[in-house]
PDB file of N, CA and C in Angstrom:
ATOM      1  N   MET A   1       9.125  17.475  14.878  1.00  0.00           N
ATOM      2  CA  MET A   1       8.507  16.174  15.186  1.00  0.00           C
ATOM      3  C   MET A   1       7.411  15.851  14.163  1.00  0.00           C
ATOM      4  N   GLN A   2       6.745  16.880  13.644  1.00  0.00           N
ATOM      5  CA  GLN A   2       5.662  16.637  12.686  1.00  0.00           C
ATOM      6  C   GLN A   2       6.209  16.097  11.366  1.00  0.00           C
ATOM      7  N   LYS A   3       7.371  16.586  10.954  1.00  0.00           N
ATOM      8  CA  LYS A   3       7.927  16.155   9.662  1.00  0.00           C
ATOM      9  C   LYS A   3       8.175  14.644   9.623  1.00  0.00           C
ATOM     10  N   PRO A   4       8.898  14.063  10.608  1.00  0.00           N
ATOM     11  CA  PRO A   4       9.150  12.613  10.585  1.00  0.00           C
ATOM     12  C   PRO A   4       7.855  11.824  10.634  1.00  0.00           C
ATOM     13  N   LYS A   5       6.879  12.323  11.387  1.00  0.00           N
ATOM     14  CA  LYS A   5       5.595  11.615  11.482  1.00  0.00           C
ATOM     15  C   LYS A   5       4.937  11.570  10.107  1.00  0.00           C
ATOM     16  N   LEU A   6       4.949  12.713   9.415  1.00  0.00           N
ATOM     17  CA  LEU A   6       4.344  12.767   8.075  1.00  0.00           C
ATOM     18  C   LEU A   6       5.071  11.805   7.149  1.00  0.00           C
ATOM     19  N   GLY A   7       6.398  11.743   7.278  1.00  0.00           N
ATOM     20  CA  GLY A   7       7.181  10.837   6.439  1.00  0.00           C
ATOM     21  C   GLY A   7       6.763   9.397   6.686  1.00  0.00           C
ATOM     22  N   LYS A   8       6.591   9.059   7.958  1.00  0.00           N
ATOM     23  CA  LYS A   8       6.192   7.683   8.292  1.00  0.00           C
ATOM     24  C   LYS A   8       4.815   7.384   7.708  1.00  0.00           C
ATOM     25  N   ILE A   9       3.906   8.348   7.815  1.00  0.00           N
ATOM     26  CA  ILE A   9       2.545   8.147   7.286  1.00  0.00           C
ATOM     27  C   ILE A   9       2.622   7.928   5.775  1.00  0.00           C
ATOM     28  N   LYS A  10       3.467   8.701   5.099  1.00  0.00           N
ATOM     29  CA  LYS A  10       3.608   8.560   3.642  1.00  0.00           C
ATOM     30  C   LYS A  10       4.118   7.162   3.309  1.00  0.00           C
ATOM     31  N   LEU A  11       5.105   6.687   4.067  1.00  0.00           N
ATOM     32  CA  LEU A  11       5.658   5.352   3.814  1.00  0.00           C
ATOM     33  C   LEU A  11       4.575   4.302   4.027  1.00  0.00           C
ATOM     34  N   LEU A  12       3.804   4.451   5.102  1.00  0.00           N
ATOM     35  CA  LEU A  12       2.740   3.483   5.394  1.00  0.00           C
ATOM     36  C   LEU A  12       1.709   3.503   4.275  1.00  0.00           C
ATOM     37  N   SER A  13       1.332   4.694   3.830  1.00  0.00           N
ATOM     38  CA  SER A  13       0.326   4.801   2.775  1.00  0.00           C
ATOM     39  C   SER A  13       0.853   4.140   1.505  1.00  0.00           C
ATOM     40  N   ALA A  14       2.131   4.339   1.212  1.00  0.00           N
ATOM     41  CA  ALA A  14       2.726   3.733   0.015  1.00  0.00           C
ATOM     42  C   ALA A  14       2.673   2.216   0.137  1.00  0.00           C
ATOM     43  N   LYS A  15       3.009   1.695   1.312  1.00  0.00           N
ATOM     44  CA  LYS A  15       2.982   0.234   1.521  1.00  0.00           C
ATOM     45  C   LYS A  15       1.553  -0.280   1.370  1.00  0.00           C
ATOM     46  N   GLU A  16       0.594   0.474   1.907  1.00  0.00           N
ATOM     47  CA  GLU A  16      -0.816   0.055   1.813  1.00  0.00           C
ATOM     48  C   GLU A  16      -1.242   0.018   0.350  1.00  0.00           C
ATOM     49  N   GLN A  17      -0.799   1.007  -0.428  1.00  0.00           N
ATOM     50  CA  GLN A  17      -1.150   1.054  -1.852  1.00  0.00           C
ATOM     51  C   GLN A  17      -0.570  -0.162  -2.558  1.00  0.00           C
ATOM     52  N   VAL A  18       0.674  -0.505  -2.264  1.00  0.00           N
ATOM     53  CA  VAL A  18       1.312  -1.668  -2.891  1.00  0.00           C
ATOM     54  C   VAL A  18       0.560  -2.932  -2.510  1.00  0.00           C
ATOM     55  N   ALA A  19       0.196  -3.043  -1.244  1.00  0.00           N
ATOM     56  CA  ALA A  19      -0.539  -4.222  -0.775  1.00  0.00           C
ATOM     57  C   ALA A  19      -1.870  -4.324  -1.507  1.00  0.00           C
ATOM     58  N   ALA A  20      -2.537  -3.192  -1.701  1.00  0.00           N
ATOM     59  CA  ALA A  20      -3.831  -3.187  -2.396  1.00  0.00           C
ATOM     60  C   ALA A  20      -3.645  -3.667  -3.833  1.00  0.00           C
ATOM     61  N   VAL A  21      -2.595  -3.197  -4.488  1.00  0.00           N
ATOM     62  CA  VAL A  21      -2.325  -3.605  -5.876  1.00  0.00           C
ATOM     63  C   VAL A  21      -2.053  -5.101  -5.929  1.00  0.00           C
ATOM     64  N   LEU A  22      -1.256  -5.599  -4.981  1.00  0.00           N
ATOM     65  CA  LEU A  22      -0.938  -7.033  -4.959  1.00  0.00           C
ATOM     66  C   LEU A  22      -2.213  -7.840  -4.749  1.00  0.00           C
ATOM     67  N   ARG A  23      -3.072  -7.377  -3.846  1.00  0.00           N
ATOM     68  CA  ARG A  23      -4.331  -8.097  -3.587  1.00  0.00           C
ATOM     69  C   ARG A  23      -5.177  -8.129  -4.849  1.00  0.00           C
ATOM     70  N   LYS A  24      -5.261  -6.994  -5.548  1.00  0.00           N
ATOM     71  CA  LYS A  24      -6.057  -6.925  -6.785  1.00  0.00           C
ATOM     72  C   LYS A  24      -5.482  -7.894  -7.810  1.00  0.00           C
ATOM     73  N   ALA A  25      -4.155  -7.952  -7.909  1.00  0.00           N
ATOM     74  CA  ALA A  25      -3.509  -8.847  -8.878  1.00  0.00           C
ATOM     75  C   ALA A  25      -3.848 -10.293  -8.536  1.00  0.00           C
ATOM     76  N   ILE A  26      -3.800 -10.630  -7.256  1.00  0.00           N
ATOM     77  CA  ILE A  26      -4.104 -12.008  -6.826  1.00  0.00           C
ATOM     78  C   ILE A  26      -5.564 -12.330  -7.124  1.00  0.00           C
ATOM     79  N   LEU A  27      -6.456 -11.381  -6.828  1.00  0.00           N
ATOM     80  CA  LEU A  27      -7.885 -11.602  -7.085  1.00  0.00           C
ATOM     81  C   LEU A  27      -8.111 -11.805  -8.579  1.00  0.00           C
ATOM     82  N   SER A  28      -7.484 -10.993  -9.404  1.00  0.00           N
ATOM     83  CA  SER A  28      -7.661 -11.110 -10.857  1.00  0.00           C
ATOM     84  C   SER A  28      -7.154 -12.478 -11.323  1.00  0.00           C
ATOM     85  N   ARG A  29      -6.045 -12.944 -10.763  1.00  0.00           N
ATOM     86  CA  ARG A  29      -5.496 -14.258 -11.149  1.00  0.00           C
ATOM     87  C   ARG A  29      -6.471 -15.358 -10.737  1.00  0.00           C
ATOM     88  N   ASP A  30      -7.048 -15.230  -9.540  1.00  0.00           N
ATOM     89  CA  ASP A  30      -8.003 -16.242  -9.068  1.00  0.00           C
ATOM     90  C   ASP A  30      -9.217 -16.275  -9.993  1.00  0.00           C
ATOM     91  N   LEU A  31      -9.688 -15.089 -10.402  1.00  0.00           N
ATOM     92  CA  LEU A  31     -10.864 -15.026 -11.285  1.00  0.00           C
ATOM     93  C   LEU A  31     -10.548 -15.699 -12.613  1.00  0.00           C
ATOM     94  N   VAL A  32      -9.343 -15.478 -13.108  1.00  0.00           N
ATOM     95  CA  VAL A  32      -8.948 -16.074 -14.397  1.00  0.00           C
ATOM     96  C   VAL A  32      -8.731 -17.565 -14.177  1.00  0.00           C
TER      97      VAL A  32
END
């Protein structure tokens, strides 16, 4: 049961990282 949970957490963390990158890109575009 721990393995699938860890996998889900990894997927969520990856999605959060992508979202953070997208937000940074949008902010940089707004600044420009």
